[in-house]
């Protein structure tokens, strides 16, 4: 590799690093993330789904740490998918009807 090509690649690396740093600094969200948040807010305002905070206040979820919470449409029904960590370090997923809060099932993660 010639010295000119090496310098050019160095500047490309610097540019990529600066752009990546700026994106992290300004907390750039992935495309569509804002739309998902807006849709979830509209569903909650219309009463189609219950607030996630209400679901997380349930006694059976006490002492569990929420690692991830997703609101998804499954088979025509809005569903909260919760990835939870218990005090022993076990991770499991639990599914709840997002309108009623009814438990739909659980799956233990490996």
N, C-alpha and C. Protein backbone atom coordinates (compact mmCIF):
# COMPACT_ATOMS: atom_id res chain seq x y z
N UNK A 1 0.85 -1.16 0.00
CA UNK A 1 0.00 0.00 0.00
C UNK A 1 0.91 1.23 0.00
N UNK A 2 0.57 2.17 -0.86
CA UNK A 2 1.38 3.39 -0.94
C UNK A 2 1.08 4.28 0.26
N UNK A 3 1.99 5.22 0.50
CA UNK A 3 1.82 6.14 1.62
C UNK A 3 0.58 7.02 1.43
N UNK A 4 0.28 7.40 0.19
CA UNK A 4 -0.89 8.23 -0.10
C UNK A 4 -2.18 7.48 0.24
N UNK A 5 -2.23 6.21 -0.16
CA UNK A 5 -3.43 5.41 0.16
C UNK A 5 -3.58 5.22 1.66
N UNK A 6 -2.47 5.03 2.37
CA UNK A 6 -2.50 4.88 3.82
C UNK A 6 -3.03 6.13 4.50
N UNK A 7 -2.59 7.30 4.05
CA UNK A 7 -3.06 8.56 4.62
C UNK A 7 -4.55 8.74 4.32
N UNK A 8 -4.96 8.42 3.10
CA UNK A 8 -6.36 8.55 2.72
C UNK A 8 -7.24 7.64 3.59
N UNK A 9 -6.80 6.40 3.82
CA UNK A 9 -7.56 5.48 4.67
C UNK A 9 -7.61 5.99 6.11
N UNK A 10 -6.53 6.60 6.57
CA UNK A 10 -6.51 7.16 7.93
C UNK A 10 -7.57 8.25 8.07
N UNK A 11 -7.68 9.12 7.08
CA UNK A 11 -8.68 10.19 7.14
C UNK A 11 -10.09 9.64 7.06
N UNK A 12 -10.28 8.60 6.28
CA UNK A 12 -11.60 7.96 6.21
C UNK A 12 -11.96 7.40 7.58
N UNK A 13 -11.00 6.75 8.23
CA UNK A 13 -11.24 6.21 9.57
C UNK A 13 -11.60 7.32 10.55
N UNK A 14 -10.86 8.43 10.51
CA UNK A 14 -11.13 9.57 11.40
C UNK A 14 -12.53 10.11 11.14
N UNK A 15 -12.93 10.24 9.88
CA UNK A 15 -14.25 10.76 9.54
C UNK A 15 -15.35 9.85 10.08
N UNK A 16 -15.18 8.55 9.90
CA UNK A 16 -16.18 7.59 10.39
C UNK A 16 -16.27 7.66 11.91
N UNK A 17 -15.13 7.77 12.58
CA UNK A 17 -15.12 7.85 14.04
C UNK A 17 -15.83 9.13 14.52
N UNK A 18 -15.58 10.24 13.85
CA UNK A 18 -16.23 11.50 14.23
C UNK A 18 -17.74 11.45 14.03
N UNK A 19 -18.17 10.89 12.91
CA UNK A 19 -19.61 10.78 12.63
C UNK A 19 -20.27 9.87 13.66
N UNK A 20 -19.62 8.75 13.97
CA UNK A 20 -20.18 7.82 14.96
C UNK A 20 -20.26 8.48 16.33
N UNK A 21 -19.23 9.21 16.70
CA UNK A 21 -19.22 9.90 17.99
C UNK A 21 -20.32 10.95 18.06
N UNK A 22 -20.51 11.69 16.98
CA UNK A 22 -21.56 12.71 16.95
C UNK A 22 -22.94 12.06 17.09
N UNK A 23 -23.14 10.93 16.43
CA UNK A 23 -24.42 10.24 16.51
C UNK A 23 -24.69 9.79 17.95
N UNK A 24 -23.67 9.29 18.64
CA UNK A 24 -23.85 8.88 20.03
C UNK A 24 -24.07 10.09 20.94
N UNK A 25 -23.35 11.17 20.67
CA UNK A 25 -23.48 12.37 21.49
C UNK A 25 -24.88 12.96 21.40
N UNK A 26 -25.45 12.95 20.21
CA UNK A 26 -26.77 13.53 20.01
C UNK A 26 -27.89 12.51 20.12
N UNK A 27 -27.57 11.28 20.54
CA UNK A 27 -28.56 10.24 20.80
C UNK A 27 -29.49 10.04 19.60
N UNK A 28 -28.90 9.74 18.46
CA UNK A 28 -29.66 9.52 17.24
C UNK A 28 -30.38 8.19 17.35
N UNK A 29 -31.69 8.20 17.16
CA UNK A 29 -32.50 6.99 17.24
C UNK A 29 -32.54 6.31 15.89
N UNK A 30 -32.67 4.97 15.86
CA UNK A 30 -32.79 4.27 14.59
C UNK A 30 -34.04 4.73 13.85
N UNK A 31 -34.00 4.63 12.54
CA UNK A 31 -35.15 5.02 11.72
C UNK A 31 -36.37 4.24 12.17
N UNK A 32 -37.48 4.94 12.35
CA UNK A 32 -38.72 4.28 12.74
C UNK A 32 -38.94 4.22 14.24
N UNK A 33 -37.90 4.45 15.04
CA UNK A 33 -38.07 4.35 16.49
C UNK A 33 -39.04 5.39 17.00
N UNK A 34 -38.95 6.60 16.50
CA UNK A 34 -39.86 7.66 16.94
C UNK A 34 -41.29 7.32 16.53
N UNK A 35 -41.47 6.78 15.34
CA UNK A 35 -42.80 6.39 14.88
C UNK A 35 -43.41 5.34 15.80
N UNK A 36 -42.61 4.36 16.23
CA UNK A 36 -43.10 3.31 17.12
C UNK A 36 -43.55 3.92 18.45
N UNK A 37 -42.77 4.85 18.96
CA UNK A 37 -43.10 5.49 20.23
C UNK A 37 -44.39 6.29 20.10
N UNK A 38 -44.52 7.02 19.00
CA UNK A 38 -45.74 7.81 18.77
C UNK A 38 -46.96 6.91 18.65
N UNK A 39 -46.81 5.79 17.94
CA UNK A 39 -47.93 4.86 17.78
C UNK A 39 -48.34 4.28 19.13
N UNK A 40 -47.36 3.89 19.95
CA UNK A 40 -47.67 3.33 21.26
C UNK A 40 -48.39 4.36 22.12
N UNK A 41 -47.95 5.62 22.05
CA UNK A 41 -48.59 6.68 22.83
C UNK A 41 -50.04 6.88 22.38
N UNK A 42 -50.28 6.84 21.07
CA UNK A 42 -51.64 7.00 20.54
C UNK A 42 -52.54 5.84 20.97
N UNK A 43 -52.00 4.62 20.95
CA UNK A 43 -52.78 3.45 21.37
C UNK A 43 -53.15 3.56 22.85
N UNK A 44 -52.23 4.06 23.66
CA UNK A 44 -52.51 4.21 25.08
C UNK A 44 -53.54 5.32 25.31
N UNK A 45 -53.40 6.43 24.59
CA UNK A 45 -54.34 7.55 24.74
C UNK A 45 -55.76 7.16 24.32
N UNK A 46 -55.86 6.28 23.31
CA UNK A 46 -57.18 5.86 22.84
C UNK A 46 -57.80 4.77 23.72
N UNK A 47 -57.01 4.24 24.65
CA UNK A 47 -57.52 3.19 25.52
C UNK A 47 -57.37 1.80 24.94
N UNK A 48 -56.74 1.69 23.77
CA UNK A 48 -56.56 0.37 23.16
C UNK A 48 -55.55 -0.47 23.93
N UNK A 49 -54.58 0.17 24.56
CA UNK A 49 -53.62 -0.55 25.39
C UNK A 49 -53.50 0.13 26.75
N UNK A 50 -53.18 -0.66 27.77
CA UNK A 50 -52.98 -0.11 29.10
C UNK A 50 -51.55 0.43 29.20
N UNK A 51 -51.33 1.40 30.08
CA UNK A 51 -49.97 1.90 30.26
C UNK A 51 -49.05 0.80 30.77
N UNK A 52 -47.84 0.77 30.27
CA UNK A 52 -46.87 -0.23 30.70
C UNK A 52 -46.62 -0.12 32.20
N UNK A 53 -46.60 1.08 32.72
CA UNK A 53 -46.38 1.28 34.16
C UNK A 53 -47.43 0.55 34.99
N UNK A 54 -48.68 0.54 34.53
CA UNK A 54 -49.74 -0.18 35.25
C UNK A 54 -49.47 -1.68 35.25
N UNK A 55 -49.02 -2.20 34.14
CA UNK A 55 -48.70 -3.63 34.06
C UNK A 55 -47.53 -3.97 34.98
N UNK A 56 -46.50 -3.14 34.97
CA UNK A 56 -45.31 -3.41 35.77
C UNK A 56 -45.56 -3.28 37.27
N UNK A 57 -46.66 -2.64 37.66
CA UNK A 57 -47.00 -2.49 39.08
C UNK A 57 -47.66 -3.74 39.66
N UNK A 58 -47.90 -4.74 38.84
CA UNK A 58 -48.56 -5.96 39.31
C UNK A 58 -47.69 -6.70 40.33
N UNK A 59 -48.32 -7.30 41.34
CA UNK A 59 -47.57 -8.01 42.39
C UNK A 59 -46.68 -9.13 41.84
N UNK A 60 -47.12 -9.83 40.81
CA UNK A 60 -46.31 -10.95 40.30
C UNK A 60 -45.02 -10.50 39.61
N UNK A 61 -44.91 -9.21 39.34
CA UNK A 61 -43.69 -8.68 38.71
C UNK A 61 -42.78 -7.98 39.71
N UNK A 62 -43.20 -7.93 40.97
CA UNK A 62 -42.41 -7.29 42.00
C UNK A 62 -41.08 -8.04 42.18
N UNK A 63 -40.00 -7.30 42.28
CA UNK A 63 -38.68 -7.90 42.48
C UNK A 63 -38.00 -8.34 41.19
N UNK A 64 -38.68 -8.19 40.06
CA UNK A 64 -38.09 -8.55 38.78
C UNK A 64 -37.60 -7.29 38.07
N UNK A 65 -36.47 -7.42 37.42
CA UNK A 65 -35.91 -6.29 36.68
C UNK A 65 -36.30 -6.42 35.21
N UNK A 66 -36.84 -5.35 34.65
CA UNK A 66 -37.24 -5.36 33.24
C UNK A 66 -36.00 -5.09 32.39
N UNK A 67 -35.65 -6.05 31.55
CA UNK A 67 -34.53 -5.87 30.64
C UNK A 67 -34.99 -5.26 29.32
N UNK A 68 -36.20 -5.65 28.91
CA UNK A 68 -36.75 -5.16 27.65
C UNK A 68 -38.26 -5.28 27.69
N UNK A 69 -38.93 -4.30 27.11
CA UNK A 69 -40.39 -4.33 27.01
C UNK A 69 -40.77 -3.91 25.60
N UNK A 70 -41.54 -4.74 24.94
CA UNK A 70 -41.97 -4.45 23.57
C UNK A 70 -43.48 -4.51 23.50
N UNK A 71 -44.04 -3.64 22.68
CA UNK A 71 -45.47 -3.67 22.39
C UNK A 71 -45.59 -4.10 20.94
N UNK A 72 -46.26 -5.24 20.72
CA UNK A 72 -46.35 -5.82 19.39
C UNK A 72 -47.79 -6.22 19.08
N UNK A 73 -48.07 -6.30 17.80
CA UNK A 73 -49.37 -6.81 17.37
C UNK A 73 -49.15 -8.28 16.99
N UNK A 74 -49.82 -9.17 17.71
CA UNK A 74 -49.70 -10.61 17.48
C UNK A 74 -51.09 -11.19 17.22
N UNK A 75 -51.28 -11.75 16.04
CA UNK A 75 -52.56 -12.38 15.69
C UNK A 75 -53.74 -11.44 15.93
N UNK A 76 -53.57 -10.17 15.55
CA UNK A 76 -54.63 -9.19 15.68
C UNK A 76 -54.83 -8.64 17.08
N UNK A 77 -53.96 -8.99 18.01
CA UNK A 77 -54.08 -8.57 19.40
C UNK A 77 -52.81 -7.83 19.80
N UNK A 78 -52.96 -6.74 20.54
CA UNK A 78 -51.79 -6.01 21.03
C UNK A 78 -51.25 -6.75 22.27
N UNK A 79 -49.94 -6.99 22.26
CA UNK A 79 -49.30 -7.81 23.29
C UNK A 79 -48.06 -7.09 23.81
N UNK A 80 -47.92 -7.07 25.15
CA UNK A 80 -46.67 -6.64 25.77
C UNK A 80 -45.79 -7.87 25.91
N UNK A 81 -44.56 -7.78 25.42
CA UNK A 81 -43.56 -8.84 25.61
C UNK A 81 -42.53 -8.28 26.56
N UNK A 82 -42.41 -8.89 27.73
CA UNK A 82 -41.47 -8.44 28.75
C UNK A 82 -40.33 -9.43 28.90
N UNK A 83 -39.11 -8.96 28.85
CA UNK A 83 -37.94 -9.78 29.15
C UNK A 83 -37.51 -9.39 30.55
N UNK A 84 -37.54 -10.35 31.47
CA UNK A 84 -37.37 -10.07 32.90
C UNK A 84 -36.19 -10.84 33.49
N UNK A 85 -35.54 -10.22 34.45
CA UNK A 85 -34.44 -10.84 35.18
C UNK A 85 -34.86 -11.00 36.62
N UNK A 86 -34.83 -12.25 37.15
CA UNK A 86 -35.22 -12.44 38.54
C UNK A 86 -33.98 -12.32 39.44
N UNK A 87 -34.17 -12.28 40.76
CA UNK A 87 -33.04 -12.09 41.68
C UNK A 87 -31.96 -13.17 41.59
N UNK A 88 -32.29 -14.35 41.07
CA UNK A 88 -31.29 -15.42 40.95
C UNK A 88 -30.50 -15.33 39.65
N UNK A 89 -30.86 -14.37 38.78
CA UNK A 89 -30.16 -14.20 37.52
C UNK A 89 -30.81 -14.90 36.34
N UNK A 90 -31.97 -15.51 36.56
CA UNK A 90 -32.68 -16.19 35.48
C UNK A 90 -33.45 -15.17 34.65
N UNK A 91 -33.39 -15.34 33.34
CA UNK A 91 -34.11 -14.44 32.43
C UNK A 91 -35.26 -15.22 31.81
N UNK A 92 -36.44 -14.59 31.80
CA UNK A 92 -37.55 -15.20 31.09
C UNK A 92 -38.36 -14.12 30.40
N UNK A 93 -39.15 -14.56 29.44
CA UNK A 93 -40.04 -13.66 28.72
C UNK A 93 -41.46 -13.98 29.15
N UNK A 94 -42.22 -12.91 29.37
CA UNK A 94 -43.63 -13.07 29.70
C UNK A 94 -44.44 -12.22 28.73
N UNK A 95 -45.60 -12.73 28.40
CA UNK A 95 -46.47 -12.07 27.43
C UNK A 95 -47.79 -11.72 28.10
N UNK A 96 -48.26 -10.49 27.85
CA UNK A 96 -49.51 -10.01 28.43
C UNK A 96 -50.36 -9.35 27.35
N UNK A 97 -51.66 -9.58 27.42
CA UNK A 97 -52.58 -8.84 26.56
C UNK A 97 -52.44 -7.37 26.94
N UNK A 98 -52.13 -6.53 25.96
CA UNK A 98 -51.85 -5.12 26.24
C UNK A 98 -53.11 -4.32 26.57
N UNK A 99 -54.28 -4.85 26.26
CA UNK A 99 -55.52 -4.15 26.57
C UNK A 99 -55.99 -4.47 27.98
N UNK A 100 -56.02 -5.76 28.31
CA UNK A 100 -56.57 -6.19 29.60
C UNK A 100 -55.51 -6.47 30.66
N UNK A 101 -54.28 -6.71 30.24
CA UNK A 101 -53.23 -7.10 31.19
C UNK A 101 -53.23 -8.58 31.49
N UNK A 102 -54.10 -9.33 30.83
CA UNK A 102 -54.19 -10.78 31.05
C UNK A 102 -52.89 -11.47 30.65
N UNK A 103 -52.33 -12.33 31.56
CA UNK A 103 -51.12 -13.08 31.19
C UNK A 103 -51.42 -14.04 30.04
N UNK A 104 -50.51 -14.09 29.08
CA UNK A 104 -50.69 -14.97 27.92
C UNK A 104 -49.70 -16.13 27.90
N UNK A 105 -48.70 -16.07 28.76
CA UNK A 105 -47.73 -17.16 28.80
C UNK A 105 -46.35 -16.64 29.10
N UNK A 106 -45.43 -17.60 29.23
CA UNK A 106 -44.04 -17.27 29.56
C UNK A 106 -43.13 -18.24 28.83
N UNK A 107 -41.88 -17.81 28.67
CA UNK A 107 -40.87 -18.67 28.05
C UNK A 107 -39.55 -18.40 28.75
N UNK A 108 -38.92 -19.44 29.26
CA UNK A 108 -37.63 -19.32 29.92
C UNK A 108 -36.55 -19.17 28.87
N UNK A 109 -35.68 -18.20 29.07
CA UNK A 109 -34.56 -17.97 28.15
C UNK A 109 -33.36 -18.80 28.59
N UNK A 110 -32.53 -19.17 27.64
CA UNK A 110 -31.31 -19.94 27.96
C UNK A 110 -30.25 -19.05 28.54
